[in-house]
Amino acid sequence: MIGQQSTAKTIFLLVSMAGWLIVGAAMMYLFPAIADALFGNDRTHLWMTNLSRGGYNPSLGWIGGGVALGLTSVGSWVWYQYFEGK
């Protein structure tokens, strides 16, 4: 039958997709901090000052994105190491 896959693979793909979406969202959240670190001009410093007044905290992106990246990578490794093709 065309398009048939196991329920386990469907769940893995959905969980993996959610993990990569969280990683991407963390990267977008970190863009101002990365731009300030890379370029460090008056405009990016002002941008960071204004964002920090509103509660912007780049460590949330680093921690959340890092954890999501780690879990997604380990989950993918485990899946392809032990379950793919069985």
PDB file of N, CA and C in Angstrom:
ATOM      1  N   MET A   1       0.839  -1.171   0.000  1.00  0.00           N
ATOM      2  CA  MET A   1       0.000   0.000   0.000  1.00  0.00           C
ATOM      3  C   MET A   1       0.899   1.255   0.000  1.00  0.00           C
ATOM      4  N   ILE A   2       0.546   2.244  -0.758  1.00  0.00           N
ATOM      5  CA  ILE A   2       1.333   3.472  -0.846  1.00  0.00           C
ATOM      6  C   ILE A   2       1.052   4.352   0.372  1.00  0.00           C
ATOM      7  N   GLY A   3       2.101   4.905   0.946  1.00  0.00           N
ATOM      8  CA  GLY A   3       1.958   5.832   2.068  1.00  0.00           C
ATOM      9  C   GLY A   3       1.711   5.182   3.404  1.00  0.00           C
ATOM     10  N   GLN A   4       2.023   3.930   3.531  1.00  0.00           N
ATOM     11  CA  GLN A   4       1.785   3.248   4.798  1.00  0.00           C
ATOM     12  C   GLN A   4       3.051   3.280   5.644  1.00  0.00           C
ATOM     13  N   GLN A   5       2.902   3.703   6.892  1.00  0.00           N
ATOM     14  CA  GLN A   5       4.018   3.671   7.830  1.00  0.00           C
ATOM     15  C   GLN A   5       3.475   3.357   9.210  1.00  0.00           C
ATOM     16  N   SER A   6       4.351   2.963  10.099  1.00  0.00           N
ATOM     17  CA  SER A   6       3.919   2.551  11.427  1.00  0.00           C
ATOM     18  C   SER A   6       3.500   3.761  12.261  1.00  0.00           C
ATOM     19  N   THR A   7       2.719   3.485  13.274  1.00  0.00           N
ATOM     20  CA  THR A   7       2.295   4.526  14.193  1.00  0.00           C
ATOM     21  C   THR A   7       3.496   5.087  14.947  1.00  0.00           C
ATOM     22  N   ALA A   8       4.438   4.235  15.282  1.00  0.00           N
ATOM     23  CA  ALA A   8       5.637   4.694  16.002  1.00  0.00           C
ATOM     24  C   ALA A   8       6.422   5.691  15.161  1.00  0.00           C
ATOM     25  N   LYS A   9       6.553   5.415  13.863  1.00  0.00           N
ATOM     26  CA  LYS A   9       7.289   6.340  13.002  1.00  0.00           C
ATOM     27  C   LYS A   9       6.541   7.661  12.866  1.00  0.00           C
ATOM     28  N   THR A  10       5.227   7.618  12.778  1.00  0.00           N
ATOM     29  CA  THR A  10       4.430   8.843  12.704  1.00  0.00           C
ATOM     30  C   THR A  10       4.617   9.683  13.954  1.00  0.00           C
ATOM     31  N   ILE A  11       4.592   9.054  15.109  1.00  0.00           N
ATOM     32  CA  ILE A  11       4.792   9.781  16.372  1.00  0.00           C
ATOM     33  C   ILE A  11       6.200  10.351  16.437  1.00  0.00           C
ATOM     34  N   PHE A  12       7.190   9.560  16.032  1.00  0.00           N
ATOM     35  CA  PHE A  12       8.565  10.057  16.018  1.00  0.00           C
ATOM     36  C   PHE A  12       8.690  11.285  15.127  1.00  0.00           C
ATOM     37  N   LEU A  13       8.122  11.233  13.938  1.00  0.00           N
ATOM     38  CA  LEU A  13       8.219  12.367  13.022  1.00  0.00           C
ATOM     39  C   LEU A  13       7.543  13.614  13.583  1.00  0.00           C
ATOM     40  N   LEU A  14       6.388  13.459  14.223  1.00  0.00           N
ATOM     41  CA  LEU A  14       5.693  14.609  14.813  1.00  0.00           C
ATOM     42  C   LEU A  14       6.483  15.209  15.976  1.00  0.00           C
ATOM     43  N   VAL A  15       7.025  14.361  16.834  1.00  0.00           N
ATOM     44  CA  VAL A  15       7.817  14.850  17.969  1.00  0.00           C
ATOM     45  C   VAL A  15       9.099  15.508  17.477  1.00  0.00           C
ATOM     46  N   SER A  16       9.726  14.922  16.473  1.00  0.00           N
ATOM     47  CA  SER A  16      10.935  15.496  15.909  1.00  0.00           C
ATOM     48  C   SER A  16      10.647  16.854  15.277  1.00  0.00           C
ATOM     49  N   MET A  17       9.534  16.959  14.568  1.00  0.00           N
ATOM     50  CA  MET A  17       9.149  18.223  13.950  1.00  0.00           C
ATOM     51  C   MET A  17       8.927  19.292  15.017  1.00  0.00           C
ATOM     52  N   ALA A  18       8.263  18.940  16.092  1.00  0.00           N
ATOM     53  CA  ALA A  18       8.038  19.908  17.169  1.00  0.00           C
ATOM     54  C   ALA A  18       9.366  20.345  17.782  1.00  0.00           C
ATOM     55  N   GLY A  19      10.285  19.413  17.954  1.00  0.00           N
ATOM     56  CA  GLY A  19      11.599  19.768  18.503  1.00  0.00           C
ATOM     57  C   GLY A  19      12.337  20.742  17.613  1.00  0.00           C
ATOM     58  N   TRP A  20      12.343  20.489  16.301  1.00  0.00           N
ATOM     59  CA  TRP A  20      13.040  21.401  15.395  1.00  0.00           C
ATOM     60  C   TRP A  20      12.344  22.753  15.309  1.00  0.00           C
ATOM     61  N   LEU A  21      11.018  22.788  15.471  1.00  0.00           N
ATOM     62  CA  LEU A  21      10.316  24.069  15.510  1.00  0.00           C
ATOM     63  C   LEU A  21      10.726  24.888  16.735  1.00  0.00           C
ATOM     64  N   ILE A  22      10.902  24.216  17.863  1.00  0.00           N
ATOM     65  CA  ILE A  22      11.344  24.908  19.077  1.00  0.00           C
ATOM     66  C   ILE A  22      12.764  25.430  18.896  1.00  0.00           C
ATOM     67  N   VAL A  23      13.633  24.642  18.272  1.00  0.00           N
ATOM     68  CA  VAL A  23      15.008  25.093  18.009  1.00  0.00           C
ATOM     69  C   VAL A  23      14.986  26.322  17.101  1.00  0.00           C
ATOM     70  N   GLY A  24      14.177  26.293  16.061  1.00  0.00           N
ATOM     71  CA  GLY A  24      14.074  27.438  15.159  1.00  0.00           C
ATOM     72  C   GLY A  24      13.529  28.671  15.850  1.00  0.00           C
ATOM     73  N   ALA A  25      12.543  28.493  16.706  1.00  0.00           N
ATOM     74  CA  ALA A  25      11.995  29.625  17.453  1.00  0.00           C
ATOM     75  C   ALA A  25      13.043  30.213  18.396  1.00  0.00           C
ATOM     76  N   ALA A  26      13.840  29.367  19.018  1.00  0.00           N
ATOM     77  CA  ALA A  26      14.905  29.855  19.896  1.00  0.00           C
ATOM     78  C   ALA A  26      15.940  30.644  19.102  1.00  0.00           C
ATOM     79  N   MET A  27      16.239  30.186  17.884  1.00  0.00           N
ATOM     80  CA  MET A  27      17.208  30.920  17.052  1.00  0.00           C
ATOM     81  C   MET A  27      16.658  32.287  16.666  1.00  0.00           C
ATOM     82  N   MET A  28      15.367  32.361  16.356  1.00  0.00           N
ATOM     83  CA  MET A  28      14.770  33.666  16.041  1.00  0.00           C
ATOM     84  C   MET A  28      14.775  34.572  17.264  1.00  0.00           C
ATOM     85  N   TYR A  29      14.498  34.002  18.438  1.00  0.00           N
ATOM     86  CA  TYR A  29      14.501  34.773  19.669  1.00  0.00           C
ATOM     87  C   TYR A  29      15.903  35.302  19.976  1.00  0.00           C
ATOM     88  N   LEU A  30      16.921  34.538  19.616  1.00  0.00           N
ATOM     89  CA  LEU A  30      18.301  34.928  19.899  1.00  0.00           C
ATOM     90  C   LEU A  30      18.891  35.880  18.865  1.00  0.00           C
ATOM     91  N   PHE A  31      18.188  36.147  17.772  1.00  0.00           N
ATOM     92  CA  PHE A  31      18.750  36.973  16.708  1.00  0.00           C
ATOM     93  C   PHE A  31      19.270  38.323  17.199  1.00  0.00           C
ATOM     94  N   PRO A  32      18.533  39.073  18.028  1.00  0.00           N
ATOM     95  CA  PRO A  32      19.085  40.364  18.482  1.00  0.00           C
ATOM     96  C   PRO A  32      20.380  40.221  19.274  1.00  0.00           C
ATOM     97  N   ALA A  33      20.467  39.229  20.132  1.00  0.00           N
ATOM     98  CA  ALA A  33      21.676  39.024  20.932  1.00  0.00           C
ATOM     99  C   ALA A  33      22.848  38.608  20.052  1.00  0.00           C
ATOM    100  N   ILE A  34      22.586  37.757  19.065  1.00  0.00           N
ATOM    101  CA  ILE A  34      23.647  37.328  18.153  1.00  0.00           C
ATOM    102  C   ILE A  34      24.111  38.497  17.295  1.00  0.00           C
ATOM    103  N   ALA A  35      23.165  39.305  16.803  1.00  0.00           N
ATOM    104  CA  ALA A  35      23.531  40.472  15.998  1.00  0.00           C
ATOM    105  C   ALA A  35      24.369  41.452  16.813  1.00  0.00           C
ATOM    106  N   ASP A  36      24.007  41.632  18.077  1.00  0.00           N
ATOM    107  CA  ASP A  36      24.779  42.529  18.938  1.00  0.00           C
ATOM    108  C   ASP A  36      26.169  41.978  19.192  1.00  0.00           C
ATOM    109  N   ALA A  37      26.282  40.665  19.360  1.00  0.00           N
ATOM    110  CA  ALA A  37      27.598  40.065  19.598  1.00  0.00           C
ATOM    111  C   ALA A  37      28.471  40.109  18.345  1.00  0.00           C
ATOM    112  N   LEU A  38      27.870  39.915  17.178  1.00  0.00           N
ATOM    113  CA  LEU A  38      28.650  39.889  15.940  1.00  0.00           C
ATOM    114  C   LEU A  38      29.057  41.283  15.462  1.00  0.00           C
ATOM    115  N   PHE A  39      28.117  42.210  15.501  1.00  0.00           N
ATOM    116  CA  PHE A  39      28.372  43.529  14.928  1.00  0.00           C
ATOM    117  C   PHE A  39      28.688  44.570  15.983  1.00  0.00           C
ATOM    118  N   GLY A  40      27.967  44.559  17.085  1.00  0.00           N
ATOM    119  CA  GLY A  40      28.257  45.411  18.230  1.00  0.00           C
ATOM    120  C   GLY A  40      28.353  46.897  17.927  1.00  0.00           C
ATOM    121  N   ASN A  41      27.453  47.429  17.101  1.00  0.00           N
ATOM    122  CA  ASN A  41      27.477  48.866  16.847  1.00  0.00           C
ATOM    123  C   ASN A  41      26.435  49.567  17.710  1.00  0.00           C
ATOM    124  N   ASP A  42      26.331  50.879  17.548  1.00  0.00           N
ATOM    125  CA  ASP A  42      25.408  51.651  18.386  1.00  0.00           C
ATOM    126  C   ASP A  42      23.964  51.205  18.210  1.00  0.00           C
ATOM    127  N   ARG A  43      23.597  50.846  16.979  1.00  0.00           N
ATOM    128  CA  ARG A  43      22.216  50.448  16.716  1.00  0.00           C
ATOM    129  C   ARG A  43      21.864  49.151  17.443  1.00  0.00           C
ATOM    130  N   THR A  44      22.746  48.162  17.395  1.00  0.00           N
ATOM    131  CA  THR A  44      22.439  46.898  18.063  1.00  0.00           C
ATOM    132  C   THR A  44      22.486  47.047  19.581  1.00  0.00           C
ATOM    133  N   HIS A  45      23.367  47.909  20.091  1.00  0.00           N
ATOM    134  CA  HIS A  45      23.394  48.165  21.539  1.00  0.00           C
ATOM    135  C   HIS A  45      22.092  48.825  21.990  1.00  0.00           C
ATOM    136  N   LEU A  46      21.600  49.781  21.192  1.00  0.00           N
ATOM    137  CA  LEU A  46      20.330  50.433  21.514  1.00  0.00           C
ATOM    138  C   LEU A  46      19.188  49.431  21.437  1.00  0.00           C
ATOM    139  N   TRP A  47      19.231  48.569  20.439  1.00  0.00           N
ATOM    140  CA  TRP A  47      18.223  47.523  20.290  1.00  0.00           C
ATOM    141  C   TRP A  47      18.192  46.630  21.523  1.00  0.00           C
ATOM    142  N   MET A  48      19.363  46.200  21.978  1.00  0.00           N
ATOM    143  CA  MET A  48      19.421  45.342  23.167  1.00  0.00           C
ATOM    144  C   MET A  48      18.968  46.085  24.419  1.00  0.00           C
ATOM    145  N   THR A  49      19.315  47.355  24.526  1.00  0.00           N
ATOM    146  CA  THR A  49      18.881  48.143  25.682  1.00  0.00           C
ATOM    147  C   THR A  49      17.359  48.222  25.729  1.00  0.00           C
ATOM    148  N   ASN A  50      16.750  48.528  24.590  1.00  0.00           N
ATOM    149  CA  ASN A  50      15.292  48.632  24.547  1.00  0.00           C
ATOM    150  C   ASN A  50      14.616  47.284  24.791  1.00  0.00           C
ATOM    151  N   LEU A  51      15.173  46.232  24.236  1.00  0.00           N
ATOM    152  CA  LEU A  51      14.598  44.907  24.463  1.00  0.00           C
ATOM    153  C   LEU A  51      14.719  44.476  25.921  1.00  0.00           C
ATOM    154  N   SER A  52      15.844  44.768  26.539  1.00  0.00           N
ATOM    155  CA  SER A  52      16.027  44.354  27.930  1.00  0.00           C
ATOM    156  C   SER A  52      15.100  45.119  28.866  1.00  0.00           C
ATOM    157  N   ARG A  53      14.738  46.333  28.509  1.00  0.00           N
ATOM    158  CA  ARG A  53      13.746  47.069  29.310  1.00  0.00           C
ATOM    159  C   ARG A  53      12.394  46.374  29.289  1.00  0.00           C
ATOM    160  N   GLY A  54      12.111  45.679  28.195  1.00  0.00           N
ATOM    161  CA  GLY A  54      10.847  44.961  28.063  1.00  0.00           C
ATOM    162  C   GLY A  54      10.901  43.537  28.574  1.00  0.00           C
ATOM    163  N   GLY A  55      12.016  43.120  29.148  1.00  0.00           N
ATOM    164  CA  GLY A  55      12.119  41.784  29.722  1.00  0.00           C
ATOM    165  C   GLY A  55      12.807  40.759  28.848  1.00  0.00           C
ATOM    166  N   TYR A  56      13.471  41.209  27.785  1.00  0.00           N
ATOM    167  CA  TYR A  56      14.182  40.275  26.906  1.00  0.00           C
ATOM    168  C   TYR A  56      15.354  39.668  27.659  1.00  0.00           C
ATOM    169  N   ASN A  57      15.420  38.335  27.626  1.00  0.00           N
ATOM    170  CA  ASN A  57      16.480  37.624  28.314  1.00  0.00           C
ATOM    171  C   ASN A  57      17.025  36.537  27.384  1.00  0.00           C
ATOM    172  N   PRO A  58      18.181  36.775  26.744  1.00  0.00           N
ATOM    173  CA  PRO A  58      18.690  35.792  25.787  1.00  0.00           C
ATOM    174  C   PRO A  58      19.021  34.434  26.386  1.00  0.00           C
ATOM    175  N   SER A  59      19.252  34.375  27.683  1.00  0.00           N
ATOM    176  CA  SER A  59      19.581  33.072  28.271  1.00  0.00           C
ATOM    177  C   SER A  59      18.407  32.096  28.150  1.00  0.00           C
ATOM    178  N   LEU A  60      17.185  32.600  28.068  1.00  0.00           N
ATOM    179  CA  LEU A  60      16.038  31.716  27.852  1.00  0.00           C
ATOM    180  C   LEU A  60      16.160  31.008  26.508  1.00  0.00           C
ATOM    181  N   GLY A  61      16.585  31.736  25.494  1.00  0.00           N
ATOM    182  CA  GLY A  61      16.774  31.139  24.175  1.00  0.00           C
ATOM    183  C   GLY A  61      17.920  30.154  24.142  1.00  0.00           C
ATOM    184  N   TRP A  62      19.026  30.530  24.799  1.00  0.00           N
ATOM    185  CA  TRP A  62      20.188  29.624  24.823  1.00  0.00           C
ATOM    186  C   TRP A  62      19.850  28.327  25.540  1.00  0.00           C
ATOM    187  N   ILE A  63      19.200  28.433  26.691  1.00  0.00           N
ATOM    188  CA  ILE A  63      18.889  27.234  27.481  1.00  0.00           C
ATOM    189  C   ILE A  63      17.785  26.416  26.813  1.00  0.00           C
ATOM    190  N   GLY A  64      16.677  27.072  26.472  1.00  0.00           N
ATOM    191  CA  GLY A  64      15.553  26.359  25.857  1.00  0.00           C
ATOM    192  C   GLY A  64      15.915  25.756  24.511  1.00  0.00           C
ATOM    193  N   GLY A  65      16.583  26.543  23.678  1.00  0.00           N
ATOM    194  CA  GLY A  65      16.986  26.036  22.364  1.00  0.00           C
ATOM    195  C   GLY A  65      18.035  24.947  22.467  1.00  0.00           C
ATOM    196  N   GLY A  66      18.961  25.113  23.406  1.00  0.00           N
ATOM    197  CA  GLY A  66      19.993  24.098  23.590  1.00  0.00           C
ATOM    198  C   GLY A  66      19.427  22.782  24.074  1.00  0.00           C
ATOM    199  N   VAL A  67      18.501  22.855  25.023  1.00  0.00           N
ATOM    200  CA  VAL A  67      17.863  21.623  25.522  1.00  0.00           C
ATOM    201  C   VAL A  67      17.055  20.968  24.416  1.00  0.00           C
ATOM    202  N   ALA A  68      16.284  21.769  23.669  1.00  0.00           N
ATOM    203  CA  ALA A  68      15.489  21.212  22.577  1.00  0.00           C
ATOM    204  C   ALA A  68      16.383  20.599  21.502  1.00  0.00           C
ATOM    205  N   LEU A  69      17.479  21.265  21.173  1.00  0.00           N
ATOM    206  CA  LEU A  69      18.408  20.728  20.173  1.00  0.00           C
ATOM    207  C   LEU A  69      19.022  19.418  20.660  1.00  0.00           C
ATOM    208  N   GLY A  70      19.427  19.382  21.917  1.00  0.00           N
ATOM    209  CA  GLY A  70      20.014  18.162  22.477  1.00  0.00           C
ATOM    210  C   GLY A  70      19.035  17.005  22.488  1.00  0.00           C
ATOM    211  N   LEU A  71      17.827  17.244  22.966  1.00  0.00           N
ATOM    212  CA  LEU A  71      16.830  16.172  23.031  1.00  0.00           C
ATOM    213  C   LEU A  71      16.429  15.697  21.645  1.00  0.00           C
ATOM    214  N   THR A  72      16.258  16.629  20.716  1.00  0.00           N
ATOM    215  CA  THR A  72      15.878  16.246  19.359  1.00  0.00           C
ATOM    216  C   THR A  72      16.991  15.463  18.683  1.00  0.00           C
ATOM    217  N   SER A  73      18.225  15.898  18.875  1.00  0.00           N
ATOM    218  CA  SER A  73      19.351  15.188  18.265  1.00  0.00           C
ATOM    219  C   SER A  73      19.516  13.794  18.850  1.00  0.00           C
ATOM    220  N   VAL A  74      19.428  13.684  20.157  1.00  0.00           N
ATOM    221  CA  VAL A  74      19.546  12.367  20.799  1.00  0.00           C
ATOM    222  C   VAL A  74      18.380  11.469  20.384  1.00  0.00           C
ATOM    223  N   GLY A  75      17.173  12.033  20.333  1.00  0.00           N
ATOM    224  CA  GLY A  75      16.018  11.247  19.901  1.00  0.00           C
ATOM    225  C   GLY A  75      16.172  10.741  18.476  1.00  0.00           C
ATOM    226  N   SER A  76      16.663  11.591  17.594  1.00  0.00           N
ATOM    227  CA  SER A  76      16.887  11.169  16.200  1.00  0.00           C
ATOM    228  C   SER A  76      17.965  10.095  16.118  1.00  0.00           C
ATOM    229  N   TRP A  77      19.029  10.272  16.877  1.00  0.00           N
ATOM    230  CA  TRP A  77      20.104   9.288  16.874  1.00  0.00           C
ATOM    231  C   TRP A  77      19.590   7.934  17.356  1.00  0.00           C
ATOM    232  N   VAL A  78      18.839   7.950  18.455  1.00  0.00           N
ATOM    233  CA  VAL A  78      18.292   6.701  18.992  1.00  0.00           C
ATOM    234  C   VAL A  78      17.352   6.062  17.978  1.00  0.00           C
ATOM    235  N   TRP A  79      16.487   6.866  17.363  1.00  0.00           N
ATOM    236  CA  TRP A  79      15.542   6.305  16.398  1.00  0.00           C
ATOM    237  C   TRP A  79      16.274   5.619  15.251  1.00  0.00           C
ATOM    238  N   TYR A  80      17.202   6.350  14.637  1.00  0.00           N
ATOM    239  CA  TYR A  80      17.876   5.784  13.465  1.00  0.00           C
ATOM    240  C   TYR A  80      18.853   4.669  13.830  1.00  0.00           C
ATOM    241  N   GLN A  81      19.348   4.676  15.044  1.00  0.00           N
ATOM    242  CA  GLN A  81      20.272   3.626  15.474  1.00  0.00           C
ATOM    243  C   GLN A  81      19.538   2.307  15.756  1.00  0.00           C
ATOM    244  N   TYR A  82      18.364   2.406  16.381  1.00  0.00           N
ATOM    245  CA  TYR A  82      17.719   1.208  16.885  1.00  0.00           C
ATOM    246  C   TYR A  82      16.401   0.830  16.213  1.00  0.00           C
ATOM    247  N   PHE A  83      15.692   1.796  15.642  1.00  0.00           N
ATOM    248  CA  PHE A  83      14.336   1.491  15.185  1.00  0.00           C
ATOM    249  C   PHE A  83      14.123   1.628  13.689  1.00  0.00           C
ATOM    250  N   GLU A  84      14.932   2.377  12.997  1.00  0.00           N
ATOM    251  CA  GLU A  84      14.719   2.584  11.554  1.00  0.00           C
ATOM    252  C   GLU A  84      14.995   1.287  10.811  1.00  0.00           C
ATOM    253  N   GLY A  85      14.093   0.956   9.922  1.00  0.00           N
ATOM    254  CA  GLY A  85      14.260  -0.237   9.093  1.00  0.00           C
ATOM    255  C   GLY A  85      13.802  -1.528   9.737  1.00  0.00           C
ATOM    256  N   LYS A  86      13.181  -1.449  10.903  1.00  0.00           N
ATOM    257  CA  LYS A  86      12.715  -2.675  11.567  1.00  0.00           C
ATOM    258  C   LYS A  86      11.221  -2.805  11.475  1.00  0.00           C
TER     259      LYS A  86
END
